[in-house]
Amino acid sequence: MKECSKSVLRRLHNPNFLRAYFKGEGVDVGGKPDPLSLYTELFPGIRSVRTWDREDGDAELMAGIEDGSYDFVHSSHCLEHVRDPRVALGNWFRILRPGGHLVVTVPDEDLYEQGVFPSTHNTDHKWTFTVWKTTSWSDRSIDVLDLVKELGPSADVRKIEVIDQSFRYELPRYDQTLTPVGECAIEFVVRKRRDAELEVHGMLPKDRQPLRELRIHLNQYLHDQATLRRNNKDAPPFSDDSDL
């Protein structure tokens, strides 16, 4: 219930959502009835965000959306409802522009389904998700690590996190997302590499120089480090235990 809304305060405490992940023009796949668009003024990097739901077409295919159409693609608790999550995630990544971010949350199978599948908490769930489990109790389990690997060399994983900050492990089996604060999720963020990064097999520094104000301060850091090394060349770091 209201899983996107629950995520807002948590995400506001992560500067990457403000400076990088939610930036530019985006699409919120499966956003209704709790769309990201309700909170755009809290994320000043967002210029616009389109809510894509059933009336817009199949979320698995995103038919009619050209490759590289959006700066970010967001989806909160939609992937577990599609027929083939690998196809869906591939198409969400397809419509992402190089340099943009794919932000997805799915239910964690242990925190949400809690050992029972088909789901008794949401009968429309078709898959369960986990992170780095050698064996799952669910015969419909997908490891998020395997899922993002299949996106190919353009996938630059920025974050994979089990969201359990408000989960109460001492409770018996219960759908904790019914509460106003309960999150039982896995959140992952994947950046789409640019062609230049693929050519050199990494994200290397740019050649252009910064403005003078930044140069003089960064160069001072270099000079300070050189001074410390020069004045302590006969004293290895953390070797002086003499009295103060």
Protein backbone atom coordinates (compact mmCIF):
# COMPACT_ATOMS: atom_id res chain seq x y z
CA MET A 1 0.00 0.00 0.00
CA LYS A 2 1.34 3.41 -1.08
CA GLU A 3 4.84 1.96 -1.50
CA CYS A 4 6.11 4.90 -3.57
CA SER A 5 4.89 7.34 -0.92
CA LYS A 6 6.62 5.36 1.81
CA SER A 7 9.91 5.61 -0.07
CA VAL A 8 9.94 9.41 -0.36
CA LEU A 9 11.44 10.38 3.01
CA ARG A 10 14.00 7.58 2.79
CA ARG A 11 15.05 8.71 -0.68
CA LEU A 12 15.27 12.36 0.36
CA HIS A 13 18.00 11.33 2.79
CA ASN A 14 20.03 9.82 -0.06
CA PRO A 15 21.67 12.68 -2.01
CA ASN A 16 21.99 10.52 -5.12
CA PHE A 17 18.21 10.62 -5.64
CA LEU A 18 18.39 14.43 -5.60
CA ARG A 19 21.51 14.95 -7.70
CA ALA A 20 21.53 11.98 -10.08
CA TYR A 21 18.81 9.33 -10.05
CA PHE A 22 15.72 11.54 -10.39
CA LYS A 23 16.95 14.07 -12.92
CA GLY A 24 15.42 15.29 -16.17
CA GLU A 25 12.43 13.71 -17.90
CA GLY A 26 11.17 10.42 -16.54
CA VAL A 27 8.49 7.77 -16.72
CA ASP A 28 6.91 5.97 -13.76
CA VAL A 29 5.94 2.48 -14.92
CA GLY A 30 2.89 1.06 -13.15
CA GLY A 31 2.65 4.21 -11.07
CA LYS A 32 -1.06 4.28 -10.27
CA PRO A 33 -2.57 4.78 -7.75
CA ASP A 34 0.54 6.13 -5.97
CA PRO A 35 2.63 7.89 -8.62
CA LEU A 36 6.00 9.54 -8.24
CA SER A 37 4.46 12.63 -9.88
CA LEU A 38 2.82 13.46 -6.53
CA TYR A 39 6.25 14.39 -5.16
CA THR A 40 8.09 16.06 -8.04
CA GLU A 41 8.61 19.35 -6.17
CA LEU A 42 10.60 17.46 -3.52
CA PHE A 43 13.09 16.28 -6.14
CA PRO A 44 14.20 19.49 -7.87
CA GLY A 45 16.12 17.66 -10.59
CA ILE A 46 12.88 16.30 -12.09
CA ARG A 47 11.66 18.34 -15.05
CA SER A 48 8.72 16.04 -15.76
CA VAL A 49 7.55 12.51 -15.04
CA ARG A 50 4.93 10.58 -17.00
CA THR A 51 2.81 7.99 -15.23
CA TRP A 52 2.47 4.84 -17.36
CA ASP A 53 -0.29 2.43 -16.36
CA ARG A 54 -2.74 -0.06 -17.85
CA GLU A 55 -4.50 2.41 -20.14
CA ASP A 56 -1.15 3.34 -21.74
CA GLY A 57 -0.27 -0.20 -22.78
CA ASP A 58 1.57 -3.32 -21.65
CA ALA A 59 4.23 -2.35 -19.10
CA GLU A 60 6.26 -5.38 -20.11
CA LEU A 61 6.68 -4.18 -23.71
CA MET A 62 6.40 -0.37 -23.50
CA ALA A 63 5.30 -0.50 -27.14
CA GLY A 64 5.45 2.79 -28.98
CA ILE A 65 8.15 4.23 -26.73
CA GLU A 66 11.35 4.81 -28.68
CA ASP A 67 14.75 3.71 -27.41
CA GLY A 68 16.45 6.28 -25.20
CA SER A 69 13.34 8.38 -24.59
CA TYR A 70 13.76 9.12 -20.86
CA ASP A 71 16.45 10.37 -18.48
CA PHE A 72 15.12 8.11 -15.73
CA VAL A 73 12.72 5.19 -15.49
CA HIS A 74 11.04 4.50 -12.14
CA SER A 75 8.90 1.54 -11.16
CA SER A 76 7.59 0.75 -7.70
CA HIS A 77 6.21 -2.77 -7.14
CA CYS A 78 5.20 -3.46 -10.72
CA LEU A 79 7.80 -6.02 -11.85
CA GLU A 80 6.30 -8.82 -9.74
CA HIS A 81 3.03 -8.49 -11.69
CA VAL A 82 4.34 -8.92 -15.26
CA ARG A 83 4.52 -12.16 -17.23
CA ASP A 84 8.29 -12.01 -17.80
CA PRO A 85 10.33 -9.67 -15.58
CA ARG A 86 13.41 -10.10 -17.77
CA VAL A 87 11.58 -8.86 -20.85
CA ALA A 88 10.03 -6.00 -18.88
CA LEU A 89 13.29 -4.86 -17.33
CA GLY A 90 15.00 -5.08 -20.71
CA ASN A 91 12.39 -2.77 -22.24
CA TRP A 92 12.56 -0.33 -19.32
CA PHE A 93 16.31 -0.21 -19.84
CA ARG A 94 15.80 0.15 -23.60
CA ILE A 95 13.79 3.37 -23.24
CA LEU A 96 16.41 4.86 -20.90
CA ARG A 97 18.86 7.41 -22.29
CA PRO A 98 22.59 6.76 -21.91
CA GLY A 99 23.71 8.28 -18.63
CA GLY A 100 20.22 7.89 -17.15
CA HIS A 101 19.06 5.76 -14.23
CA LEU A 102 16.62 2.88 -13.83
CA VAL A 103 15.11 2.85 -10.31
CA VAL A 104 13.09 -0.24 -9.37
CA THR A 105 11.60 -1.62 -6.17
CA VAL A 106 10.20 -5.14 -5.81
CA PRO A 107 8.98 -7.14 -2.79
CA ASP A 108 11.65 -9.11 -0.94
CA GLU A 109 10.33 -12.68 -0.86
CA ASP A 110 11.31 -13.32 2.78
CA LEU A 111 9.99 -10.01 4.11
CA TYR A 112 6.77 -9.92 2.09
CA GLU A 113 5.68 -13.38 0.96
CA GLN A 114 7.28 -14.92 4.07
CA GLY A 115 7.61 -18.48 2.84
CA VAL A 116 4.27 -18.89 1.07
CA PHE A 117 3.70 -18.74 -2.69
CA PRO A 118 1.40 -18.30 -4.56
CA SER A 119 1.07 -15.14 -2.53
CA THR A 120 -1.62 -14.85 0.12
CA HIS A 121 -0.95 -11.12 0.53
CA ASN A 122 -1.36 -10.22 -3.17
CA THR A 123 -2.81 -12.89 -5.44
CA ASP A 124 -1.66 -11.06 -8.60
CA HIS A 125 2.03 -11.57 -7.78
CA LYS A 126 3.60 -13.85 -10.38
CA TRP A 127 7.20 -13.84 -9.09
CA THR A 128 9.21 -13.48 -5.91
CA PHE A 129 12.56 -11.71 -5.59
CA THR A 130 15.67 -12.12 -3.50
CA VAL A 131 19.33 -11.09 -3.37
CA TRP A 132 22.16 -13.61 -3.30
CA LYS A 133 20.38 -16.73 -2.00
CA THR A 134 21.82 -20.03 -3.17
CA THR A 135 18.47 -21.75 -2.64
CA SER A 136 14.98 -20.29 -2.32
CA TRP A 137 11.82 -21.79 -0.88
CA SER A 138 9.93 -20.21 -3.82
CA ASP A 139 9.82 -21.99 -7.17
CA ARG A 140 9.16 -18.59 -8.81
CA SER A 141 12.14 -16.85 -7.24
CA ILE A 142 14.36 -14.46 -9.21
CA ASP A 143 17.69 -13.25 -7.89
CA VAL A 144 17.98 -9.51 -8.55
CA LEU A 145 21.72 -9.90 -9.16
CA ASP A 146 21.04 -12.30 -12.03
CA LEU A 147 18.32 -10.02 -13.35
CA VAL A 148 20.52 -6.94 -13.67
CA LYS A 149 23.41 -8.94 -15.15
CA GLU A 150 21.17 -9.87 -18.07
CA LEU A 151 20.88 -6.20 -19.01
CA GLY A 152 24.34 -6.54 -20.54
CA PRO A 153 27.48 -4.42 -20.62
CA SER A 154 25.57 -1.11 -20.62
CA ALA A 155 24.27 -1.83 -17.12
CA ASP A 156 26.23 0.07 -14.47
CA VAL A 157 24.81 -1.04 -11.10
CA ARG A 158 24.73 1.85 -8.66
CA LYS A 159 22.76 0.31 -5.79
CA ILE A 160 21.10 -2.92 -4.65
CA GLU A 161 19.59 -2.72 -1.18
CA VAL A 162 17.18 -4.72 0.97
CA ILE A 163 14.76 -2.13 2.37
CA ASP A 164 14.00 -3.32 5.89
CA GLN A 165 14.51 -0.19 7.98
CA SER A 166 10.90 -0.30 9.22
CA PHE A 167 10.46 -4.09 9.14
CA ARG A 168 9.66 -5.73 12.49
CA TYR A 169 11.33 -9.12 12.54
CA GLU A 170 9.74 -10.13 15.87
CA LEU A 171 6.18 -10.22 14.45
CA PRO A 172 4.59 -13.46 13.21
CA ARG A 173 3.67 -13.82 9.54
CA TYR A 174 1.83 -10.66 8.55
CA ASP A 175 1.71 -8.29 5.58
CA GLN A 176 3.63 -5.41 7.12
CA THR A 177 3.04 -3.19 4.07
CA LEU A 178 -0.51 -2.72 5.41
CA THR A 179 0.95 -0.38 8.02
CA PRO A 180 1.71 3.26 7.15
CA VAL A 181 5.48 2.76 7.44
CA GLY A 182 6.20 -0.88 6.59
CA GLU A 183 8.48 -1.53 3.60
CA CYS A 184 9.41 -5.09 2.63
CA ALA A 185 11.38 -4.45 -0.52
CA ILE A 186 14.49 -4.69 -2.60
CA GLU A 187 15.51 -1.49 -4.35
CA PHE A 188 18.01 -1.41 -7.19
CA VAL A 189 19.37 1.41 -9.32
CA VAL A 190 21.10 0.80 -12.65
CA ARG A 191 22.77 3.51 -14.69
CA LYS A 192 22.98 3.15 -18.46
CA ARG A 193 26.55 3.50 -19.68
CA ARG A 194 27.33 5.85 -22.54
CA ASP A 195 28.99 4.59 -25.73
CA ALA A 196 32.27 6.29 -24.78
CA GLU A 197 32.36 4.29 -21.53
CA LEU A 198 31.73 1.02 -23.36
CA GLU A 199 34.61 1.76 -25.72
CA VAL A 200 37.13 2.16 -22.88
CA HIS A 201 35.47 -0.39 -20.55
CA GLY A 202 34.89 2.11 -17.77
CA MET A 203 33.84 5.60 -16.70
CA LEU A 204 37.13 7.52 -16.92
CA PRO A 205 37.77 11.18 -16.02
CA LYS A 206 37.02 13.91 -18.55
CA ASP A 207 39.89 15.74 -20.26
CA ARG A 208 38.59 19.29 -19.79
CA GLN A 209 39.89 21.39 -16.91
CA PRO A 210 37.57 22.86 -14.23
CA LEU A 211 37.29 26.57 -13.48
CA ARG A 212 40.16 28.37 -11.72
CA GLU A 213 38.38 28.49 -8.33
CA LEU A 214 38.17 24.71 -8.23
CA ARG A 215 41.67 24.19 -9.66
CA ILE A 216 43.43 26.28 -7.01
CA HIS A 217 41.76 24.41 -4.15
CA LEU A 218 42.26 20.92 -5.58
CA ASN A 219 45.89 21.76 -6.37
CA GLN A 220 46.31 22.92 -2.77
CA TYR A 221 45.24 19.46 -1.61
CA LEU A 222 48.06 18.04 -3.75
CA HIS A 223 50.57 20.50 -2.27
CA ASP A 224 49.42 19.75 1.29
CA GLN A 225 49.84 16.04 0.70
CA ALA A 226 53.32 16.55 -0.78
CA THR A 227 54.34 18.67 2.24
CA LEU A 228 53.19 16.00 4.67
CA ARG A 229 55.11 13.31 2.84
CA ARG A 230 58.25 15.43 2.60
CA ASN A 231 58.24 16.31 6.30
CA ASN A 232 57.52 12.76 7.41
CA LYS A 233 59.68 10.75 5.05
CA ASP A 234 61.61 9.19 7.95
CA ALA A 235 58.50 8.51 10.05
CA PRO A 236 56.09 5.92 8.66
CA PRO A 237 52.42 6.72 9.35
CA PHE A 238 51.04 5.60 12.73
CA SER A 239 54.44 4.53 14.05
CA ASP A 240 55.05 7.29 16.63
CA ASP A 241 53.75 6.10 19.99
CA SER A 242 55.87 8.45 22.11
CA ASP A 243 54.30 10.42 24.96
CA LEU A 244 52.34 13.47 23.89
